[in-house]
C-alpha atoms as a PDB file:
ATOM      1  CA  MET A   1      71.953 116.219  99.849  1.00  0.00           C
ATOM      2  CA  SER A   2      74.817 113.911  98.937  1.00  0.00           C
ATOM      3  CA  LYS A   3      74.439 110.161  98.986  1.00  0.00           C
ATOM      4  CA  THR A   4      75.869 108.146 101.841  1.00  0.00           C
ATOM      5  CA  ILE A   5      77.938 105.005 101.386  1.00  0.00           C
ATOM      6  CA  LEU A   6      78.997 102.395 103.921  1.00  0.00           C
ATOM      7  CA  ALA A   7      82.474 101.092 103.022  1.00  0.00           C
ATOM      8  CA  VAL A   8      83.298  97.784 104.718  1.00  0.00           C
ATOM      9  CA  ASP A   9      86.801  96.291 104.662  1.00  0.00           C
ATOM     10  CA  ASP A  10      89.210  94.999 107.291  1.00  0.00           C
ATOM     11  CA  SER A  11      92.151  96.619 105.479  1.00  0.00           C
ATOM     12  CA  GLY A  12      92.626 100.181 106.707  1.00  0.00           C
ATOM     13  CA  SER A  13      94.692 101.180 103.671  1.00  0.00           C
ATOM     14  CA  LEU A  14      92.072  99.876 101.252  1.00  0.00           C
ATOM     15  CA  ARG A  15      89.294 101.689 103.145  1.00  0.00           C
ATOM     16  CA  GLN A  16      91.356 104.886 102.897  1.00  0.00           C
ATOM     17  CA  MET A  17      91.631 104.506  99.111  1.00  0.00           C
ATOM     18  CA  VAL A  18      87.896 103.831  98.790  1.00  0.00           C
ATOM     19  CA  VAL A  19      86.978 106.752 101.056  1.00  0.00           C
ATOM     20  CA  PHE A  20      89.337 109.130  99.256  1.00  0.00           C
ATOM     21  CA  SER A  21      87.958 108.132  95.835  1.00  0.00           C
ATOM     22  CA  LEU A  22      84.303 108.365  96.821  1.00  0.00           C
ATOM     23  CA  LYS A  23      84.604 111.575  98.839  1.00  0.00           C
ATOM     24  CA  ALA A  24      86.398 113.191  95.895  1.00  0.00           C
ATOM     25  CA  ALA A  25      83.337 112.259  93.812  1.00  0.00           C
ATOM     26  CA  GLY A  26      81.050 114.011  96.312  1.00  0.00           C
ATOM     27  CA  TYR A  27      79.779 111.110  98.411  1.00  0.00           C
ATOM     28  CA  ASN A  28      79.606 110.910 102.200  1.00  0.00           C
ATOM     29  CA  VAL A  29      81.366 107.742 103.345  1.00  0.00           C
ATOM     30  CA  THR A  30      81.177 105.877 106.635  1.00  0.00           C
ATOM     31  CA  GLU A  31      83.774 103.192 107.313  1.00  0.00           C
ATOM     32  CA  ALA A  32      83.296  99.802 108.960  1.00  0.00           C
ATOM     33  CA  VAL A  33      86.136  97.413 109.859  1.00  0.00           C
ATOM     34  CA  ASP A  34      84.182  94.178 109.325  1.00  0.00           C
ATOM     35  CA  GLY A  35      80.687  92.782 108.896  1.00  0.00           C
ATOM     36  CA  VAL A  36      79.761  93.033 112.582  1.00  0.00           C
ATOM     37  CA  ASP A  37      80.765  96.706 112.692  1.00  0.00           C
ATOM     38  CA  ALA A  38      78.921  97.340 109.414  1.00  0.00           C
ATOM     39  CA  LEU A  39      75.712  95.679 110.591  1.00  0.00           C
ATOM     40  CA  GLU A  40      75.713  97.754 113.783  1.00  0.00           C
ATOM     41  CA  LYS A  41      76.156 100.957 111.783  1.00  0.00           C
ATOM     42  CA  ALA A  42      73.529  99.930 109.228  1.00  0.00           C
ATOM     43  CA  LYS A  43      70.990  99.370 111.988  1.00  0.00           C
ATOM     44  CA  SER A  44      71.450 102.935 113.255  1.00  0.00           C
ATOM     45  CA  GLN A  45      71.518 104.683 109.861  1.00  0.00           C
ATOM     46  CA  THR A  46      70.259 103.839 106.390  1.00  0.00           C
ATOM     47  CA  PHE A  47      72.888 104.180 103.675  1.00  0.00           C
ATOM     48  CA  ASP A  48      72.257 104.699  99.952  1.00  0.00           C
ATOM     49  CA  LEU A  49      74.828 102.019  99.078  1.00  0.00           C
ATOM     50  CA  VAL A  50      76.897  99.394 100.871  1.00  0.00           C
ATOM     51  CA  LEU A  51      80.305  98.469  99.467  1.00  0.00           C
ATOM     52  CA  THR A  52      81.750  95.393 101.159  1.00  0.00           C
ATOM     53  CA  ASP A  53      84.725  93.070 101.068  1.00  0.00           C
ATOM     54  CA  GLN A  54      84.166  89.313 101.312  1.00  0.00           C
ATOM     55  CA  ASN A  55      87.034  88.018 103.471  1.00  0.00           C
ATOM     56  CA  MET A  56      86.897  89.713 106.878  1.00  0.00           C
ATOM     57  CA  PRO A  57      87.159  88.588 110.507  1.00  0.00           C
ATOM     58  CA  ARG A  58      84.058  88.200 112.711  1.00  0.00           C
ATOM     59  CA  MET A  59      81.592  88.370 109.769  1.00  0.00           C
ATOM     60  CA  ASP A  60      82.323  87.955 106.065  1.00  0.00           C
ATOM     61  CA  GLY A  61      80.707  89.882 103.233  1.00  0.00           C
ATOM     62  CA  LEU A  62      78.169  87.244 102.197  1.00  0.00           C
ATOM     63  CA  THR A  63      76.919  86.893 105.775  1.00  0.00           C
ATOM     64  CA  LEU A  64      76.721  90.693 106.023  1.00  0.00           C
ATOM     65  CA  ILE A  65      74.698  90.910 102.807  1.00  0.00           C
ATOM     66  CA  ARG A  66      72.249  88.229 103.953  1.00  0.00           C
ATOM     67  CA  SER A  67      71.905  89.986 107.321  1.00  0.00           C
ATOM     68  CA  LEU A  68      71.278  93.358 105.673  1.00  0.00           C
ATOM     69  CA  ARG A  69      68.691  91.902 103.299  1.00  0.00           C
ATOM     70  CA  GLU A  70      66.733  90.648 106.329  1.00  0.00           C
ATOM     71  CA  LEU A  71      66.293  94.274 107.446  1.00  0.00           C
ATOM     72  CA  THR A  72      63.291  96.016 105.870  1.00  0.00           C
ATOM     73  CA  SER A  73      65.310  99.228 105.449  1.00  0.00           C
ATOM     74  CA  TYR A  74      67.918  97.372 103.337  1.00  0.00           C
ATOM     75  CA  ALA A  75      65.619  95.293 101.159  1.00  0.00           C
ATOM     76  CA  ARG A  76      66.281  97.552  98.163  1.00  0.00           C
ATOM     77  CA  VAL A  77      69.549  99.308  99.043  1.00  0.00           C
ATOM     78  CA  PRO A  78      72.236  98.484  96.462  1.00  0.00           C
ATOM     79  CA  ILE A  79      75.088  96.342  97.777  1.00  0.00           C
ATOM     80  CA  LEU A  80      78.338  95.955  95.852  1.00  0.00           C
ATOM     81  CA  MET A  81      81.132  93.514  96.599  1.00  0.00           C
ATOM     82  CA  LEU A  82      84.707  94.825  96.349  1.00  0.00           C
ATOM     83  CA  THR A  83      86.914  91.794  96.868  1.00  0.00           C
ATOM     84  CA  THR A  84      89.834  89.722  95.639  1.00  0.00           C
ATOM     85  CA  GLU A  85      87.363  86.875  95.017  1.00  0.00           C
ATOM     86  CA  PHE A  86      86.479  86.569  91.340  1.00  0.00           C
ATOM     87  CA  SER A  87      85.363  82.988  90.693  1.00  0.00           C
ATOM     88  CA  ASP A  88      82.009  82.435  88.999  1.00  0.00           C
ATOM     89  CA  GLU A  89      80.987  80.304  91.976  1.00  0.00           C
ATOM     90  CA  MET A  90      81.688  83.121  94.442  1.00  0.00           C
ATOM     91  CA  LYS A  91      79.888  85.650  92.243  1.00  0.00           C
ATOM     92  CA  ALA A  92      76.862  83.319  92.110  1.00  0.00           C
ATOM     93  CA  LYS A  93      76.929  83.069  95.926  1.00  0.00           C
ATOM     94  CA  GLY A  94      77.078  86.867  96.107  1.00  0.00           C
ATOM     95  CA  LYS A  95      74.118  87.259  93.798  1.00  0.00           C
ATOM     96  CA  ALA A  96      72.144  84.642  95.749  1.00  0.00           C
ATOM     97  CA  ALA A  97      72.901  86.506  98.983  1.00  0.00           C
ATOM     98  CA  GLY A  98      71.592  89.745  97.484  1.00  0.00           C
ATOM     99  CA  ALA A  99      74.630  91.546  96.032  1.00  0.00           C
ATOM    100  CA  ASN A 100      73.836  93.850  93.114  1.00  0.00           C
ATOM    101  CA  GLY A 101      77.327  94.002  91.644  1.00  0.00           C
ATOM    102  CA  TRP A 102      80.924  92.836  91.895  1.00  0.00           C
ATOM    103  CA  LEU A 103      84.226  94.688  91.650  1.00  0.00           C
ATOM    104  CA  VAL A 104      87.598  92.960  91.922  1.00  0.00           C
ATOM    105  CA  LYS A 105      90.597  94.259  93.894  1.00  0.00           C
ATOM    106  CA  PRO A 106      92.881  95.870  93.182  1.00  0.00           C
ATOM    107  CA  PHE A 107      90.411  98.432  91.913  1.00  0.00           C
ATOM    108  CA  ASP A 108      90.674 101.428  89.645  1.00  0.00           C
ATOM    109  CA  PRO A 109      89.346 104.445  91.593  1.00  0.00           C
ATOM    110  CA  GLN A 110      87.809 105.942  88.452  1.00  0.00           C
ATOM    111  CA  ARG A 111      86.028 102.671  87.645  1.00  0.00           C
ATOM    112  CA  LEU A 112      84.760 102.438  91.241  1.00  0.00           C
ATOM    113  CA  THR A 113      83.332 105.940  91.018  1.00  0.00           C
ATOM    114  CA  GLU A 114      81.710 105.183  87.634  1.00  0.00           C
ATOM    115  CA  VAL A 115      80.022 102.052  88.987  1.00  0.00           C
ATOM    116  CA  VAL A 116      78.784 103.865  92.097  1.00  0.00           C
ATOM    117  CA  ARG A 117      77.368 106.691  89.956  1.00  0.00           C
ATOM    118  CA  LYS A 118      75.532 104.182  87.780  1.00  0.00           C
ATOM    119  CA  VAL A 119      74.060 102.489  90.822  1.00  0.00           C
ATOM    120  CA  ILE A 120      73.055 105.456  93.003  1.00  0.00           C
ATOM    121  CA  GLY A 121      73.614 108.576  90.904  1.00  0.00           C
END
């Protein structure tokens, strides 16, 4: 069975690029438009990986990560940030919240796929 990924970003065009890249690599991908949408979907289904942006309306990525880590079913699920944020301070906040990795936009689809494969196979 293929792995399932939750892709969270408020930009529809960026979600399309992520979905296209990951589906081409054989993953099932569910989209969420922001952290609130993602948390609702994560509560109804467990994903093998969550890939989230930081800057989104209603709930940002760090708040989403902290909220997911409070759920028993997401205590060990890998969470990657895919964001324009790249400061060491923001990366430290991401790690403290429970993020397992960090990718900076704009992203290289091949690099994204390589990182996902390393994390979840």
